[in-house]
């Protein structure tokens, strides 16, 4: 069984450190997760991480590094995920 949290931490960390590019991250998510994956813990955070990573390389949905850093902080337990906080952060950037 896939440990989603660890998968997301690894992919985000590797992307932010330059070990993986956007195309490689998107490919790994497609290979590891089915489109209808059901998450049992931290559902909102996990769904947003999956969405951001799955679409990281799409021109119409360019996941920002700031967004990924926020998800990583939440995954590691440094922050508690909040859609409102994420949206506010993205609005400040955009």
N, C-alpha and C. Protein backbone atom coordinates (compact mmCIF):
# COMPACT_ATOMS: atom_id res chain seq x y z
N UNK A 1 0.84 -1.20 0.00
CA UNK A 1 0.00 0.00 0.00
C UNK A 1 0.88 1.25 0.00
N UNK A 2 0.51 2.21 -0.78
CA UNK A 2 1.28 3.44 -0.91
C UNK A 2 1.09 4.31 0.33
N UNK A 3 2.17 4.82 0.85
CA UNK A 3 2.12 5.81 1.92
C UNK A 3 2.10 7.17 1.25
N UNK A 4 0.89 7.74 1.11
CA UNK A 4 0.69 8.97 0.35
C UNK A 4 1.52 10.13 0.91
N UNK A 5 1.50 10.28 2.22
CA UNK A 5 2.22 11.38 2.84
C UNK A 5 3.70 11.34 2.47
N UNK A 6 4.32 10.18 2.58
CA UNK A 6 5.74 10.04 2.25
C UNK A 6 6.00 10.27 0.77
N UNK A 7 5.10 9.78 -0.07
CA UNK A 7 5.24 9.99 -1.51
C UNK A 7 5.21 11.48 -1.82
N UNK A 8 4.25 12.19 -1.26
CA UNK A 8 4.14 13.63 -1.51
C UNK A 8 5.33 14.39 -0.96
N UNK A 9 5.77 14.05 0.24
CA UNK A 9 6.95 14.71 0.83
C UNK A 9 8.16 14.50 -0.07
N UNK A 10 8.36 13.28 -0.52
CA UNK A 10 9.52 12.98 -1.37
C UNK A 10 9.46 13.72 -2.70
N UNK A 11 8.31 13.70 -3.35
CA UNK A 11 8.19 14.36 -4.65
C UNK A 11 8.37 15.88 -4.52
N UNK A 12 7.70 16.47 -3.54
CA UNK A 12 7.82 17.92 -3.36
C UNK A 12 9.25 18.29 -3.00
N UNK A 13 9.85 17.57 -2.07
CA UNK A 13 11.22 17.85 -1.65
C UNK A 13 12.19 17.74 -2.82
N UNK A 14 12.04 16.68 -3.60
CA UNK A 14 12.93 16.48 -4.75
C UNK A 14 12.73 17.56 -5.81
N UNK A 15 11.50 17.99 -6.00
CA UNK A 15 11.25 19.07 -6.96
C UNK A 15 11.87 20.38 -6.47
N UNK A 16 11.61 20.73 -5.21
CA UNK A 16 12.11 22.00 -4.68
C UNK A 16 13.63 22.05 -4.61
N UNK A 17 14.27 20.88 -4.45
CA UNK A 17 15.73 20.84 -4.41
C UNK A 17 16.36 20.71 -5.80
N UNK A 18 15.52 20.58 -6.84
CA UNK A 18 16.04 20.49 -8.20
C UNK A 18 16.39 19.09 -8.66
N UNK A 19 16.09 18.07 -7.84
CA UNK A 19 16.39 16.70 -8.23
C UNK A 19 15.39 16.15 -9.25
N UNK A 20 14.19 16.72 -9.26
CA UNK A 20 13.17 16.36 -10.24
C UNK A 20 12.63 17.62 -10.88
N UNK A 21 12.29 17.54 -12.18
CA UNK A 21 11.66 18.69 -12.82
C UNK A 21 10.13 18.49 -12.83
N UNK A 22 9.41 19.46 -13.34
CA UNK A 22 7.94 19.41 -13.34
C UNK A 22 7.41 18.19 -14.10
N UNK A 23 7.99 17.92 -15.23
CA UNK A 23 7.54 16.78 -16.04
C UNK A 23 7.75 15.46 -15.29
N UNK A 24 8.89 15.31 -14.64
CA UNK A 24 9.18 14.07 -13.90
C UNK A 24 8.22 13.88 -12.72
N UNK A 25 7.90 14.96 -12.03
CA UNK A 25 6.97 14.88 -10.89
C UNK A 25 5.59 14.45 -11.39
N UNK A 26 5.10 15.11 -12.45
CA UNK A 26 3.79 14.77 -12.99
C UNK A 26 3.74 13.30 -13.44
N UNK A 27 4.81 12.84 -14.06
CA UNK A 27 4.87 11.45 -14.51
C UNK A 27 4.83 10.49 -13.33
N UNK A 28 5.57 10.79 -12.28
CA UNK A 28 5.59 9.89 -11.12
C UNK A 28 4.23 9.81 -10.45
N UNK A 29 3.52 10.93 -10.37
CA UNK A 29 2.18 10.91 -9.77
C UNK A 29 1.24 10.05 -10.60
N UNK A 30 1.30 10.19 -11.91
CA UNK A 30 0.44 9.38 -12.79
C UNK A 30 0.75 7.89 -12.60
N UNK A 31 2.01 7.56 -12.44
CA UNK A 31 2.41 6.16 -12.29
C UNK A 31 2.05 5.59 -10.91
N UNK A 32 2.05 6.43 -9.89
CA UNK A 32 1.84 5.96 -8.52
C UNK A 32 0.39 6.01 -8.05
N UNK A 33 -0.39 6.97 -8.53
CA UNK A 33 -1.74 7.18 -8.02
C UNK A 33 -2.81 7.09 -9.10
N UNK A 34 -3.88 6.39 -8.79
CA UNK A 34 -5.03 6.36 -9.68
C UNK A 34 -5.79 7.67 -9.53
N UNK A 35 -6.54 8.05 -10.55
CA UNK A 35 -7.29 9.30 -10.52
C UNK A 35 -8.31 9.35 -9.39
N UNK A 36 -8.87 8.24 -8.99
CA UNK A 36 -9.91 8.22 -7.97
C UNK A 36 -9.39 7.72 -6.61
N UNK A 37 -8.14 8.02 -6.32
CA UNK A 37 -7.54 7.58 -5.07
C UNK A 37 -8.34 8.13 -3.88
N UNK A 38 -8.61 7.28 -2.92
CA UNK A 38 -9.31 7.67 -1.70
C UNK A 38 -8.28 7.83 -0.59
N UNK A 39 -8.30 8.99 0.04
CA UNK A 39 -7.38 9.26 1.14
C UNK A 39 -8.15 9.13 2.46
N UNK A 40 -7.54 8.49 3.44
CA UNK A 40 -8.23 8.29 4.72
C UNK A 40 -7.86 9.34 5.76
N UNK A 41 -6.68 9.92 5.66
CA UNK A 41 -6.23 10.92 6.62
C UNK A 41 -5.96 12.24 5.92
N UNK A 42 -6.21 13.34 6.63
CA UNK A 42 -5.92 14.67 6.09
C UNK A 42 -6.42 14.81 4.65
N UNK A 43 -7.66 14.45 4.43
CA UNK A 43 -8.22 14.36 3.09
C UNK A 43 -8.04 15.64 2.27
N UNK A 44 -8.35 16.80 2.84
CA UNK A 44 -8.22 18.05 2.08
C UNK A 44 -6.78 18.29 1.65
N UNK A 45 -5.87 18.12 2.58
CA UNK A 45 -4.44 18.32 2.27
C UNK A 45 -3.99 17.33 1.21
N UNK A 46 -4.33 16.07 1.37
CA UNK A 46 -3.89 15.04 0.42
C UNK A 46 -4.45 15.29 -0.98
N UNK A 47 -5.73 15.65 -1.06
CA UNK A 47 -6.34 15.92 -2.37
C UNK A 47 -5.66 17.12 -3.05
N UNK A 48 -5.36 18.15 -2.27
CA UNK A 48 -4.70 19.33 -2.84
C UNK A 48 -3.28 19.03 -3.26
N UNK A 49 -2.57 18.23 -2.47
CA UNK A 49 -1.21 17.82 -2.86
C UNK A 49 -1.26 17.02 -4.16
N UNK A 50 -2.18 16.05 -4.22
CA UNK A 50 -2.29 15.24 -5.43
C UNK A 50 -2.60 16.13 -6.64
N UNK A 51 -3.57 17.02 -6.50
CA UNK A 51 -3.97 17.90 -7.60
C UNK A 51 -2.79 18.76 -8.05
N UNK A 52 -2.11 19.37 -7.08
CA UNK A 52 -0.98 20.23 -7.40
C UNK A 52 0.15 19.49 -8.10
N UNK A 53 0.43 18.28 -7.64
CA UNK A 53 1.51 17.49 -8.24
C UNK A 53 1.10 16.88 -9.59
N UNK A 54 -0.14 16.45 -9.67
CA UNK A 54 -0.63 15.85 -10.92
C UNK A 54 -0.63 16.87 -12.06
N UNK A 55 -0.90 18.13 -11.73
CA UNK A 55 -1.03 19.18 -12.75
C UNK A 55 0.15 20.16 -12.74
N UNK A 56 1.23 19.79 -12.11
CA UNK A 56 2.38 20.68 -11.92
C UNK A 56 2.98 21.17 -13.24
N UNK A 57 2.82 20.40 -14.29
CA UNK A 57 3.47 20.74 -15.56
C UNK A 57 2.49 21.23 -16.63
N UNK A 58 1.25 21.49 -16.24
CA UNK A 58 0.25 21.94 -17.21
C UNK A 58 0.25 23.45 -17.33
N UNK A 59 0.30 23.97 -18.53
CA UNK A 59 0.38 25.42 -18.72
C UNK A 59 -0.80 26.19 -18.13
N UNK A 60 -1.99 25.59 -18.11
CA UNK A 60 -3.16 26.29 -17.58
C UNK A 60 -3.28 26.17 -16.06
N UNK A 61 -2.49 25.28 -15.46
CA UNK A 61 -2.51 25.12 -14.01
C UNK A 61 -1.07 24.92 -13.56
N UNK A 62 -0.36 25.99 -13.40
CA UNK A 62 1.07 25.95 -13.07
C UNK A 62 1.19 26.03 -11.55
N UNK A 63 1.44 24.92 -10.90
CA UNK A 63 1.57 24.89 -9.45
C UNK A 63 2.82 25.67 -9.05
N UNK A 64 2.65 26.63 -8.16
CA UNK A 64 3.78 27.47 -7.77
C UNK A 64 4.65 26.77 -6.73
N UNK A 65 5.89 27.21 -6.66
CA UNK A 65 6.79 26.67 -5.64
C UNK A 65 6.32 27.05 -4.25
N UNK A 66 5.75 28.24 -4.11
CA UNK A 66 5.23 28.67 -2.80
C UNK A 66 4.10 27.76 -2.34
N UNK A 67 3.24 27.38 -3.26
CA UNK A 67 2.15 26.46 -2.92
C UNK A 67 2.71 25.11 -2.48
N UNK A 68 3.69 24.61 -3.21
CA UNK A 68 4.30 23.33 -2.84
C UNK A 68 5.03 23.42 -1.51
N UNK A 69 5.69 24.54 -1.24
CA UNK A 69 6.35 24.71 0.05
C UNK A 69 5.33 24.71 1.19
N UNK A 70 4.17 25.32 0.94
CA UNK A 70 3.10 25.31 1.95
C UNK A 70 2.63 23.88 2.21
N UNK A 71 2.37 23.12 1.14
CA UNK A 71 1.95 21.73 1.31
C UNK A 71 3.00 20.93 2.07
N UNK A 72 4.26 21.14 1.73
CA UNK A 72 5.34 20.42 2.40
C UNK A 72 5.37 20.74 3.89
N UNK A 73 5.20 22.00 4.25
CA UNK A 73 5.16 22.39 5.66
C UNK A 73 4.01 21.70 6.39
N UNK A 74 2.88 21.58 5.72
CA UNK A 74 1.72 20.91 6.31
C UNK A 74 1.96 19.41 6.44
N UNK A 75 2.52 18.81 5.41
CA UNK A 75 2.80 17.37 5.44
C UNK A 75 3.78 17.01 6.55
N UNK A 76 4.73 17.89 6.80
CA UNK A 76 5.74 17.64 7.83
C UNK A 76 5.25 18.00 9.22
N UNK A 77 4.06 18.61 9.32
CA UNK A 77 3.50 18.95 10.62
C UNK A 77 3.93 20.31 11.14
N UNK A 78 4.61 21.10 10.32
CA UNK A 78 5.02 22.44 10.75
C UNK A 78 3.85 23.41 10.73
N UNK A 79 2.86 23.14 9.88
CA UNK A 79 1.65 23.95 9.79
C UNK A 79 0.45 23.02 9.73
N UNK A 80 -0.72 23.55 10.07
CA UNK A 80 -1.96 22.80 9.92
C UNK A 80 -2.63 23.31 8.65
N UNK A 81 -2.98 22.39 7.76
CA UNK A 81 -3.53 22.77 6.47
C UNK A 81 -4.85 23.52 6.62
N UNK A 82 -4.95 24.60 5.87
CA UNK A 82 -6.16 25.40 5.80
C UNK A 82 -6.33 25.87 4.36
N UNK A 83 -7.48 25.54 3.76
CA UNK A 83 -7.75 26.00 2.39
C UNK A 83 -7.74 27.52 2.34
N UNK A 84 -8.26 28.14 3.38
CA UNK A 84 -8.31 29.60 3.42
C UNK A 84 -6.90 30.19 3.44
N UNK A 85 -6.03 29.64 4.28
CA UNK A 85 -4.64 30.13 4.34
C UNK A 85 -3.94 29.93 3.00
N UNK A 86 -4.14 28.75 2.40
CA UNK A 86 -3.54 28.48 1.08
C UNK A 86 -4.04 29.46 0.04
N UNK A 87 -5.36 29.68 0.01
CA UNK A 87 -5.93 30.62 -0.97
C UNK A 87 -5.42 32.03 -0.76
N UNK A 88 -5.33 32.47 0.47
CA UNK A 88 -4.81 33.80 0.77
C UNK A 88 -3.37 33.94 0.29
N UNK A 89 -2.55 32.92 0.53
CA UNK A 89 -1.17 32.93 0.10
C UNK A 89 -1.09 33.03 -1.42
N UNK A 90 -1.90 32.26 -2.12
CA UNK A 90 -1.89 32.27 -3.59
C UNK A 90 -2.37 33.60 -4.14
N UNK A 91 -3.34 34.21 -3.48
CA UNK A 91 -3.84 35.52 -3.92
C UNK A 91 -2.80 36.61 -3.75
N UNK A 92 -1.98 36.50 -2.71
CA UNK A 92 -0.90 37.47 -2.48
C UNK A 92 0.16 37.37 -3.57
N UNK A 93 0.41 36.14 -4.03
CA UNK A 93 1.42 35.92 -5.07
C UNK A 93 0.90 36.41 -6.42
N UNK A 94 -0.37 36.04 -6.72
CA UNK A 94 -0.95 36.35 -8.03
C UNK A 94 -1.31 37.77 -8.12
